[in-house]
């Protein structure tokens, strides 16, 4: 039964992160098309994608806390004393940096593995979005 709960929580977190990313990039795209020119567009694209990633990392951190409360596992290690530690763990997992001093236990290992895959895909999506945005800007106004 705990495995099923872990699967549901993991799928919900992935869907939430993808939705946040989709909507975030859509918002950034609308912002840069409306009235901004030149270098300001680049700034908004980069900062907007970073904000989207930070919200997704926060979502996974909340998922880890929910999993802990449901008894699905926990983040263990010598430096896990606060929510900040959980978000640090989420950031290092999302960016595919890998487990350092903290690590998942129990069924939480499933969510951590999937977060790494999801983060890798979403970071790639951001890279593609940034590249395509820059290409469009150069076509519109020449070299920035």
N, C-alpha and C. Protein backbone atom coordinates (compact mmCIF):
# COMPACT_ATOMS: atom_id res chain seq x y z
N UNK A 1 0.82 -1.20 0.00
CA UNK A 1 0.00 0.00 0.00
C UNK A 1 0.86 1.27 0.00
N UNK A 2 1.98 1.25 0.73
CA UNK A 2 2.84 2.43 0.76
C UNK A 2 3.46 2.70 -0.60
N UNK A 3 3.78 1.65 -1.34
CA UNK A 3 4.34 1.84 -2.68
C UNK A 3 3.33 2.54 -3.58
N UNK A 4 2.07 2.15 -3.50
CA UNK A 4 1.02 2.79 -4.30
C UNK A 4 0.91 4.28 -3.94
N UNK A 5 0.94 4.60 -2.66
CA UNK A 5 0.88 6.00 -2.23
C UNK A 5 2.09 6.77 -2.74
N UNK A 6 3.26 6.13 -2.70
CA UNK A 6 4.48 6.78 -3.21
C UNK A 6 4.37 7.03 -4.71
N UNK A 7 3.81 6.08 -5.44
CA UNK A 7 3.62 6.25 -6.88
C UNK A 7 2.67 7.41 -7.18
N UNK A 8 1.56 7.46 -6.46
CA UNK A 8 0.58 8.53 -6.67
C UNK A 8 1.21 9.88 -6.37
N UNK A 9 1.92 9.99 -5.24
CA UNK A 9 2.55 11.25 -4.88
C UNK A 9 3.62 11.65 -5.90
N UNK A 10 4.38 10.69 -6.38
CA UNK A 10 5.42 10.97 -7.38
C UNK A 10 4.81 11.44 -8.68
N UNK A 11 3.78 10.75 -9.15
CA UNK A 11 3.13 11.15 -10.41
C UNK A 11 2.50 12.54 -10.26
N UNK A 12 1.87 12.81 -9.13
CA UNK A 12 1.25 14.12 -8.91
C UNK A 12 2.32 15.22 -8.91
N UNK A 13 3.46 14.94 -8.33
CA UNK A 13 4.53 15.94 -8.29
C UNK A 13 5.10 16.18 -9.68
N UNK A 14 5.29 15.13 -10.44
CA UNK A 14 5.79 15.28 -11.82
C UNK A 14 4.81 16.09 -12.65
N UNK A 15 3.53 15.74 -12.58
CA UNK A 15 2.52 16.46 -13.34
C UNK A 15 2.50 17.94 -12.92
N UNK A 16 2.58 18.18 -11.62
CA UNK A 16 2.61 19.56 -11.13
C UNK A 16 3.81 20.32 -11.63
N UNK A 17 4.98 19.69 -11.62
CA UNK A 17 6.20 20.37 -12.08
C UNK A 17 6.13 20.66 -13.58
N UNK A 18 5.63 19.73 -14.36
CA UNK A 18 5.51 19.95 -15.81
C UNK A 18 4.50 21.06 -16.08
N UNK A 19 3.39 21.08 -15.35
CA UNK A 19 2.39 22.13 -15.52
C UNK A 19 2.97 23.50 -15.15
N UNK A 20 3.69 23.57 -14.04
CA UNK A 20 4.33 24.82 -13.63
C UNK A 20 5.28 25.30 -14.71
N UNK A 21 6.06 24.38 -15.26
CA UNK A 21 7.03 24.75 -16.29
C UNK A 21 6.33 25.25 -17.56
N UNK A 22 5.33 24.53 -17.98
CA UNK A 22 4.58 24.91 -19.18
C UNK A 22 3.97 26.29 -19.02
N UNK A 23 3.28 26.50 -17.91
CA UNK A 23 2.64 27.79 -17.67
C UNK A 23 3.67 28.89 -17.45
N UNK A 24 4.76 28.58 -16.76
CA UNK A 24 5.81 29.57 -16.53
C UNK A 24 6.46 30.04 -17.81
N UNK A 25 6.80 29.10 -18.68
CA UNK A 25 7.40 29.49 -19.96
C UNK A 25 6.41 30.22 -20.84
N UNK A 26 5.13 29.84 -20.76
CA UNK A 26 4.10 30.56 -21.51
C UNK A 26 3.99 32.01 -21.04
N UNK A 27 4.04 32.20 -19.73
CA UNK A 27 3.98 33.55 -19.16
C UNK A 27 5.19 34.38 -19.59
N UNK A 28 6.37 33.77 -19.50
CA UNK A 28 7.59 34.46 -19.94
C UNK A 28 7.48 34.83 -21.41
N UNK A 29 6.99 33.92 -22.21
CA UNK A 29 6.86 34.17 -23.65
C UNK A 29 5.93 35.36 -23.91
N UNK A 30 4.81 35.41 -23.20
CA UNK A 30 3.88 36.54 -23.38
C UNK A 30 4.51 37.85 -22.91
N UNK A 31 5.27 37.82 -21.82
CA UNK A 31 5.93 39.03 -21.32
C UNK A 31 6.91 39.60 -22.34
N UNK A 32 7.73 38.73 -22.91
CA UNK A 32 8.78 39.24 -23.80
C UNK A 32 8.22 39.68 -25.15
N UNK A 33 7.05 39.19 -25.52
CA UNK A 33 6.46 39.62 -26.78
C UNK A 33 5.78 40.98 -26.65
N UNK A 34 5.43 41.37 -25.45
CA UNK A 34 4.67 42.60 -25.27
C UNK A 34 5.50 43.78 -24.82
N UNK A 35 5.98 44.55 -25.75
CA UNK A 35 6.58 45.83 -25.43
C UNK A 35 8.03 45.84 -24.98
N UNK A 36 8.66 44.71 -24.82
CA UNK A 36 10.07 44.70 -24.41
C UNK A 36 10.95 44.55 -25.64
N UNK A 37 12.11 45.16 -25.55
CA UNK A 37 13.02 45.09 -26.69
C UNK A 37 14.43 44.77 -26.21
N UNK A 38 15.22 44.25 -27.11
CA UNK A 38 16.64 44.06 -26.88
C UNK A 38 16.98 43.18 -25.70
N UNK A 39 17.91 43.69 -24.92
CA UNK A 39 18.47 42.90 -23.83
C UNK A 39 17.50 42.61 -22.71
N UNK A 40 16.48 43.42 -22.54
CA UNK A 40 15.49 43.17 -21.50
C UNK A 40 14.79 41.83 -21.75
N UNK A 41 14.58 41.48 -22.99
CA UNK A 41 13.96 40.19 -23.31
C UNK A 41 14.81 39.03 -22.81
N UNK A 42 16.09 39.13 -23.05
CA UNK A 42 17.00 38.07 -22.63
C UNK A 42 16.95 37.91 -21.11
N UNK A 43 16.98 39.03 -20.42
CA UNK A 43 16.93 39.02 -18.97
C UNK A 43 15.66 38.34 -18.47
N UNK A 44 14.52 38.68 -19.04
CA UNK A 44 13.25 38.08 -18.62
C UNK A 44 13.18 36.59 -18.94
N UNK A 45 13.70 36.19 -20.06
CA UNK A 45 13.70 34.76 -20.41
C UNK A 45 14.52 33.97 -19.40
N UNK A 46 15.73 34.42 -19.13
CA UNK A 46 16.62 33.69 -18.22
C UNK A 46 16.07 33.71 -16.79
N UNK A 47 15.70 34.88 -16.31
CA UNK A 47 15.18 34.97 -14.93
C UNK A 47 13.85 34.24 -14.79
N UNK A 48 13.00 34.31 -15.80
CA UNK A 48 11.72 33.60 -15.75
C UNK A 48 11.89 32.09 -15.68
N UNK A 49 12.83 31.56 -16.45
CA UNK A 49 13.05 30.11 -16.39
C UNK A 49 13.66 29.70 -15.05
N UNK A 50 14.52 30.54 -14.48
CA UNK A 50 15.08 30.23 -13.17
C UNK A 50 13.99 30.21 -12.11
N UNK A 51 13.09 31.19 -12.17
CA UNK A 51 11.98 31.23 -11.20
C UNK A 51 11.12 29.98 -11.35
N UNK A 52 10.82 29.57 -12.57
CA UNK A 52 10.04 28.35 -12.78
C UNK A 52 10.72 27.15 -12.15
N UNK A 53 12.02 27.03 -12.33
CA UNK A 53 12.76 25.91 -11.73
C UNK A 53 12.73 25.97 -10.21
N UNK A 54 12.86 27.15 -9.65
CA UNK A 54 12.82 27.27 -8.18
C UNK A 54 11.45 26.87 -7.63
N UNK A 55 10.39 27.22 -8.32
CA UNK A 55 9.05 26.81 -7.88
C UNK A 55 8.90 25.30 -7.98
N UNK A 56 9.45 24.70 -9.02
CA UNK A 56 9.39 23.25 -9.18
C UNK A 56 10.19 22.54 -8.08
N UNK A 57 11.34 23.08 -7.75
CA UNK A 57 12.15 22.51 -6.67
C UNK A 57 11.39 22.61 -5.36
N UNK A 58 10.72 23.74 -5.12
CA UNK A 58 9.90 23.92 -3.93
C UNK A 58 8.78 22.88 -3.90
N UNK A 59 8.14 22.64 -5.05
CA UNK A 59 7.08 21.63 -5.14
C UNK A 59 7.60 20.25 -4.73
N UNK A 60 8.75 19.88 -5.25
CA UNK A 60 9.32 18.59 -4.86
C UNK A 60 9.67 18.56 -3.38
N UNK A 61 10.18 19.66 -2.85
CA UNK A 61 10.46 19.72 -1.42
C UNK A 61 9.21 19.50 -0.60
N UNK A 62 8.11 20.11 -1.02
CA UNK A 62 6.84 19.90 -0.33
C UNK A 62 6.38 18.45 -0.48
N UNK A 63 6.65 17.86 -1.64
CA UNK A 63 6.33 16.45 -1.84
C UNK A 63 7.11 15.56 -0.90
N UNK A 64 8.39 15.88 -0.67
CA UNK A 64 9.19 15.11 0.29
C UNK A 64 8.64 15.24 1.70
N UNK A 65 8.21 16.43 2.05
CA UNK A 65 7.62 16.63 3.38
C UNK A 65 6.31 15.87 3.51
N UNK A 66 5.49 15.90 2.48
CA UNK A 66 4.23 15.14 2.50
C UNK A 66 4.51 13.65 2.63
N UNK A 67 5.50 13.17 1.91
CA UNK A 67 5.87 11.76 1.98
C UNK A 67 6.34 11.38 3.39
N UNK A 68 7.10 12.26 4.00
CA UNK A 68 7.56 12.00 5.38
C UNK A 68 6.37 11.91 6.32
N UNK A 69 5.42 12.83 6.17
CA UNK A 69 4.23 12.83 7.04
C UNK A 69 3.37 11.59 6.81
N UNK A 70 3.38 11.06 5.59
CA UNK A 70 2.62 9.85 5.27
C UNK A 70 3.36 8.58 5.65
N UNK A 71 4.59 8.71 6.11
CA UNK A 71 5.38 7.55 6.50
C UNK A 71 5.98 6.80 5.34
N UNK A 72 6.21 7.48 4.22
CA UNK A 72 6.76 6.83 3.03
C UNK A 72 8.28 6.81 3.01
N UNK A 73 8.90 7.52 3.90
CA UNK A 73 10.35 7.63 3.96
C UNK A 73 10.71 9.02 4.42
N UNK A 74 12.00 9.30 4.39
CA UNK A 74 12.45 10.62 4.81
C UNK A 74 13.78 10.92 4.16
N UNK A 75 14.19 12.17 4.28
CA UNK A 75 15.52 12.57 3.85
C UNK A 75 16.41 12.40 5.08
N UNK A 76 17.42 11.59 4.95
CA UNK A 76 18.31 11.29 6.08
C UNK A 76 19.71 11.84 5.79
N UNK A 77 20.48 11.95 6.83
CA UNK A 77 21.85 12.42 6.70
C UNK A 77 22.23 13.27 7.89
N UNK A 78 23.48 13.64 7.95
CA UNK A 78 23.97 14.37 9.12
C UNK A 78 23.49 15.82 9.22
N UNK A 79 22.96 16.37 8.14
CA UNK A 79 22.62 17.79 8.13
C UNK A 79 21.15 18.06 7.84
N UNK A 80 20.27 17.13 8.16
CA UNK A 80 18.85 17.32 7.91
C UNK A 80 18.18 17.77 9.21
N UNK A 81 18.01 19.08 9.34
CA UNK A 81 17.43 19.60 10.56
C UNK A 81 16.28 20.56 10.32
N UNK A 82 16.00 20.88 9.06
CA UNK A 82 14.99 21.89 8.78
C UNK A 82 14.41 21.69 7.39
N UNK A 83 13.39 22.47 7.09
CA UNK A 83 12.82 22.46 5.74
C UNK A 83 13.84 22.93 4.71
N UNK A 84 14.73 23.82 5.11
CA UNK A 84 15.77 24.28 4.19
C UNK A 84 16.62 23.11 3.71
N UNK A 85 16.90 22.16 4.59
CA UNK A 85 17.68 20.98 4.21
C UNK A 85 16.93 20.14 3.17
N UNK A 86 15.62 20.06 3.32
CA UNK A 86 14.81 19.30 2.36
C UNK A 86 14.84 20.00 1.00
N UNK A 87 14.75 21.32 0.99
CA UNK A 87 14.79 22.04 -0.28
C UNK A 87 16.18 21.99 -0.90
N UNK A 88 17.20 21.99 -0.08
CA UNK A 88 18.56 21.80 -0.59
C UNK A 88 18.68 20.44 -1.27
N UNK A 89 18.15 19.40 -0.60
CA UNK A 89 18.18 18.06 -1.18
C UNK A 89 17.43 18.05 -2.51
N UNK A 90 16.27 18.71 -2.55
CA UNK A 90 15.49 18.75 -3.78
C UNK A 90 16.25 19.46 -4.89
N UNK A 91 16.91 20.56 -4.57
CA UNK A 91 17.68 21.30 -5.58
C UNK A 91 18.82 20.46 -6.12
N UNK A 92 19.52 19.76 -5.25
CA UNK A 92 20.64 18.96 -5.72
C UNK A 92 20.16 17.75 -6.51
N UNK A 93 18.98 17.24 -6.21
CA UNK A 93 18.43 16.12 -6.97
C UNK A 93 17.87 16.60 -8.31
N UNK A 94 17.11 17.71 -8.29
CA UNK A 94 16.50 18.26 -9.50
C UNK A 94 17.55 18.59 -10.56
N UNK A 95 18.68 19.11 -10.13
CA UNK A 95 19.72 19.51 -11.07
C UNK A 95 20.64 18.36 -11.46
N UNK A 96 20.34 17.16 -11.03
CA UNK A 96 21.13 15.96 -11.33
C UNK A 96 22.53 16.02 -10.73
N UNK A 97 22.71 16.87 -9.74
CA UNK A 97 24.00 16.96 -9.06
C UNK A 97 24.30 15.65 -8.34
N UNK A 98 23.26 15.01 -7.82
CA UNK A 98 23.42 13.74 -7.14
C UNK A 98 23.32 13.91 -5.65
N UNK A 99 23.22 12.81 -4.98
CA UNK A 99 23.09 12.83 -3.53
C UNK A 99 24.44 13.13 -2.91
N UNK A 100 24.45 14.05 -1.99
CA UNK A 100 25.67 14.39 -1.27
C UNK A 100 25.57 13.87 0.14
N UNK A 101 25.52 14.79 1.08
CA UNK A 101 25.48 14.41 2.48
C UNK A 101 24.09 13.93 2.91
N UNK A 102 23.05 14.28 2.18
CA UNK A 102 21.69 13.84 2.50
C UNK A 102 21.23 12.83 1.45
N UNK A 103 20.33 11.93 1.86
CA UNK A 103 19.88 10.89 0.94
C UNK A 103 18.46 10.45 1.32
N UNK A 104 17.69 9.93 0.35
CA UNK A 104 16.32 9.49 0.63
C UNK A 104 16.31 8.08 1.21
N UNK A 105 15.30 7.79 2.01
CA UNK A 105 15.11 6.45 2.54
C UNK A 105 13.70 5.97 2.19
N UNK A 106 13.48 4.69 2.27
CA UNK A 106 12.16 4.11 2.02
C UNK A 106 11.68 4.36 0.61
N UNK A 107 10.38 4.50 0.50
CA UNK A 107 9.78 4.71 -0.82
C UNK A 107 10.06 6.10 -1.39
N UNK A 108 10.65 6.96 -0.58
CA UNK A 108 11.03 8.29 -1.05
C UNK A 108 12.13 8.20 -2.11
N UNK A 109 12.82 7.09 -2.15
CA UNK A 109 13.86 6.90 -3.17
C UNK A 109 13.27 6.96 -4.57
N UNK A 110 12.02 6.48 -4.72
CA UNK A 110 11.34 6.53 -6.01
C UNK A 110 11.17 7.98 -6.46
N UNK A 111 10.65 8.81 -5.56
CA UNK A 111 10.42 10.21 -5.91
C UNK A 111 11.73 10.91 -6.25
N UNK A 112 12.78 10.63 -5.50
CA UNK A 112 14.08 11.27 -5.74
C UNK A 112 14.63 10.89 -7.12
N UNK A 113 14.51 9.63 -7.48
CA UNK A 113 14.98 9.20 -8.80
C UNK A 113 14.20 9.85 -9.93
N UNK A 114 12.90 9.92 -9.75
CA UNK A 114 12.06 10.53 -10.77
C UNK A 114 12.29 12.04 -10.83
N UNK A 115 12.53 12.69 -9.67
CA UNK A 115 12.82 14.12 -9.68
C UNK A 115 14.05 14.42 -10.52
N UNK A 116 15.06 13.58 -10.42
CA UNK A 116 16.27 13.77 -11.21
C UNK A 116 15.96 13.71 -12.70
N UNK A 117 15.18 12.74 -13.11
CA UNK A 117 14.79 12.61 -14.51
C UNK A 117 13.94 13.80 -14.94
N UNK A 118 12.98 14.18 -14.12
CA UNK A 118 12.09 15.30 -14.43
C UNK A 118 12.88 16.61 -14.52
N UNK A 119 13.78 16.83 -13.58
CA UNK A 119 14.59 18.04 -13.61
C UNK A 119 15.46 18.10 -14.85
N UNK A 120 16.05 16.97 -15.21
CA UNK A 120 16.89 16.90 -16.41
C UNK A 120 16.09 17.30 -17.64
N UNK A 121 14.88 16.77 -17.77
CA UNK A 121 14.03 17.08 -18.92
C UNK A 121 13.61 18.54 -18.90
N UNK A 122 13.22 19.06 -17.74
CA UNK A 122 12.75 20.44 -17.66
C UNK A 122 13.89 21.44 -17.88
N UNK A 123 15.07 21.12 -17.43
CA UNK A 123 16.23 21.98 -17.69
C UNK A 123 16.54 21.98 -19.19
N UNK A 124 16.43 20.84 -19.82
CA UNK A 124 16.61 20.77 -21.28
C UNK A 124 15.56 21.58 -22.01
N UNK A 125 14.34 21.54 -21.52
CA UNK A 125 13.25 22.32 -22.11
C UNK A 125 13.58 23.81 -22.00
N UNK A 126 14.07 24.22 -20.84
CA UNK A 126 14.45 25.63 -20.63
C UNK A 126 15.57 26.04 -21.57
N UNK A 127 16.52 25.15 -21.76
CA UNK A 127 17.63 25.45 -22.66
C UNK A 127 17.11 25.66 -24.08
N UNK A 128 16.23 24.78 -24.52
CA UNK A 128 15.65 24.90 -25.85
C UNK A 128 14.84 26.19 -25.98
N UNK A 129 14.05 26.49 -24.96
CA UNK A 129 13.24 27.71 -24.96
C UNK A 129 14.12 28.95 -25.03
N UNK A 130 15.19 28.96 -24.27
CA UNK A 130 16.10 30.11 -24.27
C UNK A 130 16.77 30.25 -25.64
N UNK A 131 17.21 29.15 -26.20
CA UNK A 131 17.85 29.19 -27.52
C UNK A 131 16.88 29.71 -28.58
N UNK A 132 15.67 29.18 -28.61
CA UNK A 132 14.70 29.61 -29.61
C UNK A 132 14.30 31.07 -29.42
N UNK A 133 14.18 31.50 -28.18
CA UNK A 133 13.87 32.90 -27.90
C UNK A 133 14.99 33.80 -28.41
N UNK A 134 16.21 33.44 -28.13
CA UNK A 134 17.35 34.24 -28.59
C UNK A 134 17.40 34.28 -30.11
N UNK A 135 17.15 33.17 -30.74
CA UNK A 135 17.17 33.13 -32.21
C UNK A 135 16.11 34.07 -32.78
N UNK A 136 14.93 34.07 -32.17
CA UNK A 136 13.86 34.97 -32.63
C UNK A 136 14.22 36.43 -32.40
N UNK A 137 14.84 36.73 -31.26
CA UNK A 137 15.23 38.11 -30.98
C UNK A 137 16.25 38.60 -32.00
N UNK A 138 17.23 37.77 -32.32
CA UNK A 138 18.25 38.16 -33.28
C UNK A 138 17.62 38.39 -34.66
N UNK A 139 16.65 37.56 -35.02
CA UNK A 139 15.98 37.73 -36.31
C UNK A 139 15.19 39.04 -36.34
N UNK A 140 14.61 39.45 -35.22
CA UNK A 140 13.78 40.66 -35.17
C UNK A 140 14.60 41.94 -35.15
N UNK A 141 15.65 41.99 -34.31
CA UNK A 141 16.35 43.26 -34.09
C UNK A 141 17.82 43.21 -34.44
N UNK A 142 18.27 42.15 -35.03
CA UNK A 142 19.71 42.04 -35.32
C UNK A 142 20.48 41.65 -34.07
N UNK A 143 21.75 41.86 -34.12
CA UNK A 143 22.61 41.50 -32.97
C UNK A 143 22.25 42.36 -31.77
N UNK A 144 22.19 41.71 -30.60
CA UNK A 144 21.86 42.44 -29.37
C UNK A 144 23.06 43.16 -28.82
